[in-house]
Amino acid sequence: MSAVTPDATRPQPTNLVPVIRAIPEGRHANPTWKGLAYLGRDLLIYGLALWGLASTDNLLLLIPLWVLSALAVAALFIVGHDAAHGALFKSRWLNSLVGHICMLPAWHVYEGWVLGHNRLHHGYTVRQGLDFVWHPLEPEQYAALSPLARLRHRLEWSRFGPGPYYAREVWWNKMMVGRPPARWASRIRRDRWIVAVFVLLSATALGLWGWLAADSALTGLWLFVKLFVVPFLLFTYVIGWVVHLHHIDPAIRWYTKKDWNKYRAQMEGTTVLHVPGWLDLFFHHIFIHVPHHVDQRIPFYELPAASNAIIAAFPGVVEERPLRLGDFGRNTKQCKLYSFDEGRWYTYAEARELLSAAAKPPASPRPAACASRAGSAPR
């Protein structure tokens, strides 16, 4: 990705008010029937994927069905994500109900997501110390890690890392076991129990099914693994990959508290990436990410129109392009560590050279007498 080139003659805002004003009226419209229609369609696809997985043990069929189920979980999750923002329906209780339902296949704690995603990630996008999603380490911080921690960092920030990173850092640490602020604690504790009961009931029901069908507990365990565990693990790769592409790129800058403002964060801290229509069947325009960060109230099906208006009103600011096959691999190759002082990404090799150069003592100036004996006067 090449860095954007905003119009230098135009003063840059520090807040999002002028950007929100540029979005045409009607982009916040969210009729109930439309949200329910997307919910019904995605539940149908998810149900068909589960039925297919329950019907076969042929690996040649299981692999594409697992991919389909992970994408269906992602589609439901994005519907739940919009509900968590209050963008899917006008009704607060309907947003909460649908959000809880849609996040269950992803084993996500709804109120934990509202806190971590809505309040922290959106509130402090690409800000040092506060935006916890794919927050980069500085070279000095990486050098201070233990060998095991450095090995983990190398895995999680590689092209194979989205699943392990997301499952550990976001799902487990922030949602399942993290200690929330006191005023959120009861709601998050309740929703953790909802997820735990959902997983337990699913495992129990499939265990009984396996026992009755084949008189074997292992059959029930296998049903649970192939219908719920594998799709969940694949989903962590999908969502980790998506979020990485949203906010990690050689041209995306992360900011210190001093340099950060809402305009920079939401207009320049993410992208507008156009994906094929079959992918948007599952991703619901979430790669058109700038307007979503500008105004969380816009439902996902209105993001393309909102994006066009923002790009027209602020030419040269938004990074817009098609999503290319090699983007993720290129990003993971370059974006390993980050210098907040310099505002640039480093590879591990570049960071090692940087630290080595900083550790070398400055060269002592040659005495004038020595220079004279060498036959050359200092200049």
Protein backbone atom coordinates (compact mmCIF):
# COMPACT_ATOMS: atom_id res chain seq x y z
CA MET A 1 0.00 0.00 0.00
CA SER A 2 1.30 3.42 -0.85
CA ALA A 3 0.85 6.20 1.63
CA VAL A 4 -2.08 8.49 0.95
CA THR A 5 -1.43 12.05 -0.13
CA PRO A 6 -4.01 14.43 1.34
CA ASP A 7 -4.53 17.85 -0.17
CA ALA A 8 -1.81 19.93 1.51
CA THR A 9 -3.76 23.16 0.94
CA ARG A 10 -6.67 21.92 3.00
CA PRO A 11 -6.46 22.18 6.81
CA GLN A 12 -6.76 18.78 8.47
CA PRO A 13 -9.53 18.43 11.08
CA THR A 14 -8.78 16.99 14.49
CA ASN A 15 -12.24 15.51 15.04
CA LEU A 16 -14.83 13.64 12.98
CA VAL A 17 -17.61 16.23 12.90
CA PRO A 18 -16.94 17.42 9.31
CA VAL A 19 -16.59 13.82 8.12
CA ILE A 20 -19.89 12.75 9.66
CA ARG A 21 -21.57 15.80 8.10
CA ALA A 22 -20.35 14.64 4.69
CA ILE A 23 -22.31 11.38 4.97
CA PRO A 24 -25.70 11.77 3.21
CA GLU A 25 -28.94 11.47 5.12
CA GLY A 26 -30.47 8.02 5.12
CA ARG A 27 -27.22 6.10 5.61
CA HIS A 28 -28.24 5.35 9.22
CA ALA A 29 -31.59 3.83 8.25
CA ASN A 30 -31.90 0.32 9.71
CA PRO A 31 -35.36 -1.17 9.12
CA THR A 32 -36.05 -4.18 11.33
CA TRP A 33 -36.98 -6.45 8.44
CA LYS A 34 -33.60 -5.94 6.80
CA GLY A 35 -31.59 -6.89 9.87
CA LEU A 36 -33.79 -9.93 10.46
CA ALA A 37 -33.44 -10.95 6.81
CA TYR A 38 -29.64 -10.96 7.06
CA LEU A 39 -29.87 -12.83 10.34
CA GLY A 40 -32.17 -15.47 8.83
CA ARG A 41 -29.97 -15.93 5.76
CA ASP A 42 -26.80 -16.37 7.80
CA LEU A 43 -28.50 -18.75 10.25
CA LEU A 44 -29.67 -20.82 7.29
CA ILE A 45 -26.16 -21.05 5.83
CA TYR A 46 -24.76 -21.93 9.26
CA GLY A 47 -27.43 -24.58 9.80
CA LEU A 48 -26.74 -26.14 6.41
CA ALA A 49 -23.02 -26.23 7.18
CA LEU A 50 -23.68 -28.00 10.49
CA TRP A 51 -26.04 -30.46 8.82
CA GLY A 52 -23.38 -31.23 6.23
CA LEU A 53 -20.72 -31.75 8.90
CA ALA A 54 -23.02 -34.03 10.88
CA SER A 55 -23.76 -36.10 7.78
CA THR A 56 -20.26 -37.09 6.69
CA ASP A 57 -16.84 -38.16 7.86
CA ASN A 58 -15.31 -38.00 4.39
CA LEU A 59 -12.29 -35.71 4.70
CA LEU A 60 -12.74 -34.46 1.12
CA LEU A 61 -16.15 -33.14 2.18
CA LEU A 62 -15.24 -32.14 5.72
CA ILE A 63 -12.54 -29.66 4.68
CA PRO A 64 -14.78 -27.46 2.47
CA LEU A 65 -17.61 -27.79 5.01
CA TRP A 66 -15.28 -26.63 7.78
CA VAL A 67 -14.28 -23.62 5.68
CA LEU A 68 -17.96 -22.89 4.97
CA SER A 69 -18.88 -23.23 8.64
CA ALA A 70 -16.07 -20.86 9.71
CA LEU A 71 -17.23 -18.28 7.15
CA ALA A 72 -20.83 -18.74 8.33
CA VAL A 73 -19.72 -18.16 11.94
CA ALA A 74 -17.91 -15.02 10.73
CA ALA A 75 -21.04 -13.80 8.91
CA LEU A 76 -23.17 -14.26 12.03
CA PHE A 77 -20.47 -12.61 14.10
CA ILE A 78 -20.48 -9.50 11.91
CA VAL A 79 -24.27 -9.29 12.22
CA GLY A 80 -23.78 -9.52 15.99
CA HIS A 81 -20.98 -6.94 15.77
CA ASP A 82 -23.40 -4.47 14.15
CA ALA A 83 -26.01 -5.24 16.80
CA ALA A 84 -23.41 -4.55 19.50
CA HIS A 85 -22.85 -1.11 17.95
CA GLY A 86 -26.60 -0.46 18.00
CA ALA A 87 -26.53 -0.17 14.20
CA LEU A 88 -28.64 -3.18 13.19
CA PHE A 89 -31.97 -2.25 14.78
CA LYS A 90 -33.55 0.77 16.40
CA SER A 91 -34.60 -1.38 19.34
CA ARG A 92 -31.98 -1.70 22.05
CA TRP A 93 -33.30 -5.01 23.38
CA LEU A 94 -33.48 -6.51 19.87
CA ASN A 95 -29.87 -5.49 19.22
CA SER A 96 -28.88 -7.17 22.48
CA LEU A 97 -30.87 -10.34 21.78
CA VAL A 98 -29.59 -10.76 18.22
CA GLY A 99 -26.05 -9.83 19.28
CA HIS A 100 -26.02 -12.51 21.98
CA ILE A 101 -27.38 -15.15 19.59
CA CYS A 102 -25.00 -14.31 16.74
CA MET A 103 -21.89 -14.39 18.92
CA LEU A 104 -22.61 -17.79 20.47
CA PRO A 105 -21.26 -19.88 17.53
CA ALA A 106 -18.02 -17.86 17.86
CA TRP A 107 -18.00 -18.52 21.65
CA HIS A 108 -17.79 -14.77 22.27
CA VAL A 109 -18.90 -12.91 25.38
CA TYR A 110 -21.27 -10.25 24.08
CA GLU A 111 -20.79 -7.62 26.81
CA GLY A 112 -17.05 -8.31 26.85
CA TRP A 113 -17.00 -7.55 23.14
CA VAL A 114 -18.99 -4.34 23.67
CA LEU A 115 -16.42 -3.17 26.22
CA GLY A 116 -13.25 -4.20 24.40
CA HIS A 117 -14.31 -3.47 20.84
CA ASN A 118 -16.71 -0.56 21.07
CA ARG A 119 -15.15 1.33 23.96
CA LEU A 120 -11.43 0.59 23.63
CA HIS A 121 -10.71 -0.36 20.01
CA HIS A 122 -13.06 2.19 18.46
CA GLY A 123 -12.48 4.78 21.14
CA TYR A 124 -8.69 4.69 20.82
CA THR A 125 -7.95 3.22 17.39
CA VAL A 126 -4.18 2.93 16.66
CA ARG A 127 -3.31 4.78 19.88
CA GLN A 128 -0.29 3.63 21.85
CA GLY A 129 -1.11 1.74 25.02
CA LEU A 130 -4.90 1.73 24.59
CA ASP A 131 -5.92 0.03 21.33
CA PHE A 132 -5.18 -3.56 22.32
CA VAL A 133 -6.00 -5.25 18.98
CA TRP A 134 -2.73 -6.06 17.17
CA HIS A 135 -0.95 -3.45 19.28
CA PRO A 136 2.70 -3.49 18.11
CA LEU A 137 5.78 -3.82 20.29
CA GLU A 138 8.68 -1.40 19.96
CA PRO A 139 12.14 -2.84 19.16
CA GLU A 140 13.35 -2.26 22.72
CA GLN A 141 10.30 -4.03 24.17
CA TYR A 142 10.82 -7.03 21.91
CA ALA A 143 14.51 -7.22 22.85
CA ALA A 144 13.56 -7.34 26.53
CA LEU A 145 11.28 -10.39 26.07
CA SER A 146 12.27 -13.87 27.16
CA PRO A 147 13.29 -16.29 24.39
CA LEU A 148 9.91 -18.07 24.67
CA ALA A 149 7.99 -14.80 24.44
CA ARG A 150 10.03 -13.75 21.38
CA LEU A 151 9.23 -17.09 19.77
CA ARG A 152 5.53 -16.55 20.44
CA HIS A 153 5.71 -13.06 18.97
CA ARG A 154 7.38 -14.40 15.83
CA LEU A 155 4.57 -16.94 15.42
CA GLU A 156 1.71 -14.54 16.12
CA TRP A 157 3.04 -11.79 13.85
CA SER A 158 3.71 -14.22 10.97
CA ARG A 159 1.33 -15.21 8.20
CA PHE A 160 0.40 -18.23 10.34
CA GLY A 161 -0.33 -16.13 13.41
CA PRO A 162 -3.85 -14.64 13.21
CA GLY A 163 -5.55 -17.60 14.86
CA PRO A 164 -3.12 -18.06 17.77
CA TYR A 165 -2.89 -14.29 18.33
CA TYR A 166 -6.64 -13.67 18.27
CA ALA A 167 -7.51 -16.73 20.37
CA ARG A 168 -4.97 -15.84 23.04
CA GLU A 169 -4.91 -12.06 23.16
CA VAL A 170 -8.49 -11.11 22.27
CA TRP A 171 -10.75 -14.10 22.97
CA TRP A 172 -9.09 -15.68 26.01
CA ASN A 173 -7.25 -12.82 27.75
CA LYS A 174 -9.73 -10.02 27.10
CA MET A 175 -13.05 -11.86 27.06
CA MET A 176 -12.93 -15.12 28.95
CA VAL A 177 -10.57 -14.46 31.86
CA GLY A 178 -9.77 -10.74 31.83
CA ARG A 179 -10.84 -8.71 34.84
CA PRO A 180 -13.35 -6.08 33.67
CA PRO A 181 -14.03 -2.71 35.32
CA ALA A 182 -16.41 -2.96 38.26
CA ARG A 183 -19.41 -1.47 36.48
CA TRP A 184 -19.10 -4.02 33.67
CA ALA A 185 -18.29 -7.03 35.83
CA SER A 186 -21.80 -8.41 36.45
CA ARG A 187 -22.87 -8.21 32.79
CA ILE A 188 -19.66 -9.79 31.52
CA ARG A 189 -19.82 -12.52 34.19
CA ARG A 190 -23.40 -13.30 33.13
CA ASP A 191 -22.43 -13.51 29.47
CA ARG A 192 -19.45 -15.74 30.24
CA TRP A 193 -21.90 -18.14 31.84
CA ILE A 194 -24.14 -17.92 28.76
CA VAL A 195 -21.22 -18.94 26.53
CA ALA A 196 -20.14 -21.71 28.92
CA VAL A 197 -23.68 -23.13 29.09
CA PHE A 198 -24.00 -22.98 25.29
CA VAL A 199 -20.77 -24.93 24.83
CA LEU A 200 -21.66 -27.41 27.58
CA LEU A 201 -25.17 -28.04 26.25
CA SER A 202 -23.84 -28.46 22.70
CA ALA A 203 -21.25 -30.98 23.87
CA THR A 204 -23.81 -32.84 26.00
CA ALA A 205 -26.42 -33.02 23.23
CA LEU A 206 -23.91 -34.28 20.68
CA GLY A 207 -22.48 -36.70 23.23
CA LEU A 208 -25.95 -38.19 23.78
CA TRP A 209 -26.55 -38.32 20.04
CA GLY A 210 -23.31 -40.18 19.50
CA TRP A 211 -24.06 -42.57 22.35
CA LEU A 212 -27.56 -43.35 21.05
CA ALA A 213 -26.48 -43.63 17.42
CA ALA A 214 -23.30 -45.64 17.86
CA ASP A 215 -23.19 -46.63 21.54
CA SER A 216 -19.89 -44.74 21.78
CA ALA A 217 -18.84 -41.68 23.76
CA LEU A 218 -16.02 -41.12 21.24
CA THR A 219 -18.60 -40.69 18.47
CA GLY A 220 -20.27 -37.92 20.46
CA LEU A 221 -16.91 -36.28 21.16
CA TRP A 222 -16.03 -36.40 17.45
CA LEU A 223 -19.38 -34.81 16.57
CA PHE A 224 -18.69 -31.96 18.97
CA VAL A 225 -15.17 -31.47 17.62
CA LYS A 226 -16.16 -31.42 13.97
CA LEU A 227 -19.35 -29.33 14.39
CA PHE A 228 -18.12 -26.77 16.94
CA VAL A 229 -14.43 -26.94 17.86
CA VAL A 230 -12.88 -26.97 14.37
CA PRO A 231 -15.21 -24.20 13.05
CA PHE A 232 -14.35 -22.08 16.12
CA LEU A 233 -10.61 -22.53 15.63
CA LEU A 234 -10.89 -21.69 11.92
CA PHE A 235 -13.02 -18.67 12.80
CA THR A 236 -10.21 -17.30 15.01
CA TYR A 237 -7.96 -17.40 11.94
CA VAL A 238 -10.60 -15.65 9.81
CA ILE A 239 -11.32 -12.87 12.32
CA GLY A 240 -7.64 -12.40 13.18
CA TRP A 241 -6.81 -12.11 9.47
CA VAL A 242 -9.62 -9.61 8.90
CA VAL A 243 -8.66 -7.35 11.81
CA HIS A 244 -4.97 -7.48 10.87
CA LEU A 245 -5.78 -6.32 7.34
CA HIS A 246 -7.91 -3.52 8.78
CA HIS A 247 -5.21 -1.94 10.94
CA ILE A 248 -1.74 -3.33 10.18
CA ASP A 249 0.02 -2.11 7.05
CA PRO A 250 3.33 -0.37 6.25
CA ALA A 251 1.39 2.81 5.47
CA ILE A 252 -0.80 2.77 8.59
CA ARG A 253 0.69 4.80 11.41
CA TRP A 254 0.11 4.21 15.11
CA TYR A 255 0.22 7.28 17.34
CA THR A 256 1.41 8.38 20.73
CA LYS A 257 -1.05 10.16 23.01
CA LYS A 258 0.49 13.50 22.02
CA ASP A 259 0.04 13.01 18.27
CA TRP A 260 -3.23 11.06 18.27
CA ASN A 261 -6.61 12.54 17.40
CA LYS A 262 -9.92 11.07 16.29
CA TYR A 263 -9.61 12.23 12.69
CA ARG A 264 -6.19 10.65 12.18
CA ALA A 265 -7.22 7.48 13.96
CA GLN A 266 -10.43 6.79 12.09
CA MET A 267 -9.64 8.24 8.66
CA GLU A 268 -6.02 7.11 8.36
CA GLY A 269 -5.85 4.22 10.84
CA THR A 270 -7.75 1.82 8.59
CA THR A 271 -8.67 1.28 4.94
CA VAL A 272 -11.38 0.74 2.34
CA LEU A 273 -10.68 -2.60 0.65
CA HIS A 274 -12.98 -3.93 -2.07
CA VAL A 275 -13.46 -7.71 -2.01
CA PRO A 276 -15.25 -10.05 -4.45
CA GLY A 277 -19.01 -10.30 -4.05
CA TRP A 278 -18.92 -13.92 -2.88
CA LEU A 279 -16.70 -12.90 0.04
CA ASP A 280 -19.04 -10.05 0.95
CA LEU A 281 -21.78 -12.68 1.24
CA PHE A 282 -19.99 -13.57 4.49
CA PHE A 283 -18.10 -10.38 5.38
CA HIS A 284 -20.99 -7.93 4.96
CA HIS A 285 -18.86 -5.02 3.60
CA ILE A 286 -16.75 -4.97 6.78
CA PHE A 287 -13.63 -4.37 4.65
CA ILE A 288 -15.11 -0.97 3.80
CA HIS A 289 -13.83 -0.04 7.20
CA VAL A 290 -13.23 3.72 7.26
CA PRO A 291 -16.94 4.74 7.37
CA HIS A 292 -17.56 2.15 10.08
CA HIS A 293 -14.85 3.74 12.23
CA VAL A 294 -16.07 7.25 11.42
CA ASP A 295 -19.64 6.50 12.49
CA GLN A 296 -20.46 3.20 14.20
CA ARG A 297 -24.21 3.81 13.78
CA ILE A 298 -24.07 3.03 10.03
CA PRO A 299 -25.37 -0.50 9.35
CA PHE A 300 -23.03 -2.66 7.29
CA TYR A 301 -25.22 -2.63 4.17
CA GLU A 302 -24.92 1.19 4.00
CA LEU A 303 -21.11 1.27 4.28
CA PRO A 304 -20.42 1.41 0.49
CA ALA A 305 -22.58 4.53 -0.01
CA ALA A 306 -21.13 6.20 3.09
CA SER A 307 -17.61 5.38 1.90
CA ASN A 308 -18.21 6.98 -1.51
CA ALA A 309 -19.41 10.19 0.16
CA ILE A 310 -16.42 10.37 2.51
CA ILE A 311 -13.90 9.73 -0.27
CA ALA A 312 -15.50 12.42 -2.43
CA ALA A 313 -15.49 14.95 0.42
CA PHE A 314 -11.92 14.21 1.56
CA PRO A 315 -9.93 13.36 -1.57
CA GLY A 316 -6.55 11.75 -1.08
CA VAL A 317 -7.12 10.89 2.59
CA VAL A 318 -8.73 7.44 2.54
CA GLU A 319 -6.64 4.52 1.30
CA GLU A 320 -8.97 2.72 -1.11
CA ARG A 321 -8.10 -0.22 -3.35
CA PRO A 322 -9.04 -3.82 -4.13
CA LEU A 323 -7.95 -6.44 -1.60
CA ARG A 324 -5.05 -8.29 -3.24
CA LEU A 325 -4.11 -11.89 -2.64
CA GLY A 326 -0.62 -11.04 -1.39
CA ASP A 327 -1.55 -8.14 0.90
CA PHE A 328 -1.58 -10.10 4.13
CA GLY A 329 1.72 -11.87 3.44
CA ARG A 330 3.38 -8.58 2.49
CA ASN A 331 2.08 -6.88 5.62
CA THR A 332 3.26 -9.66 7.92
CA LYS A 333 6.69 -9.62 6.27
CA GLN A 334 7.28 -5.91 6.93
CA CYS A 335 5.19 -5.14 10.02
CA LYS A 336 6.87 -6.88 12.94
CA LEU A 337 7.84 -4.09 15.36
CA TYR A 338 7.00 -0.40 15.50
CA SER A 339 8.77 2.79 16.52
CA PHE A 340 6.23 5.27 17.86
CA ASP A 341 8.85 8.03 17.87
CA GLU A 342 9.66 7.56 14.18
CA GLY A 343 6.18 6.48 13.11
CA ARG A 344 7.43 3.51 11.09
CA TRP A 345 7.39 -0.28 11.00
CA TYR A 346 10.49 -2.47 11.30
CA THR A 347 11.26 -6.05 10.36
CA TYR A 348 13.09 -8.09 12.99
CA ALA A 349 16.35 -7.70 11.05
CA GLU A 350 15.94 -3.91 10.75
CA ALA A 351 15.14 -3.64 14.46
CA ARG A 352 18.22 -5.68 15.35
CA GLU A 353 20.42 -3.38 13.26
CA LEU A 354 18.79 -0.34 14.86
CA LEU A 355 19.47 -1.58 18.38
CA SER A 356 23.00 -2.66 17.50
CA ALA A 357 23.78 0.79 16.10
CA ALA A 358 22.33 2.46 19.19
CA ALA A 359 24.45 0.26 21.47
CA LYS A 360 27.76 1.17 19.80
CA PRO A 361 29.73 3.91 21.60
CA PRO A 362 30.29 7.05 19.53
CA ALA A 363 33.62 7.14 17.70
CA SER A 364 36.24 9.35 19.33
CA PRO A 365 37.49 12.21 17.14
CA ARG A 366 41.06 11.77 15.87
CA PRO A 367 43.59 14.07 17.57
CA ALA A 368 44.84 16.86 15.34
CA ALA A 369 48.47 15.77 15.87
CA CYS A 370 47.74 12.32 14.50
CA ALA A 371 46.01 13.79 11.48
CA SER A 372 49.05 16.01 10.86
CA ARG A 373 51.47 13.05 11.07
CA ALA A 374 49.30 11.21 8.57
CA GLY A 375 49.98 14.02 6.13
CA SER A 376 46.52 15.51 6.03
CA ALA A 377 45.25 18.50 7.93
CA PRO A 378 41.72 18.32 9.37
CA ARG A 379 39.15 20.07 7.26
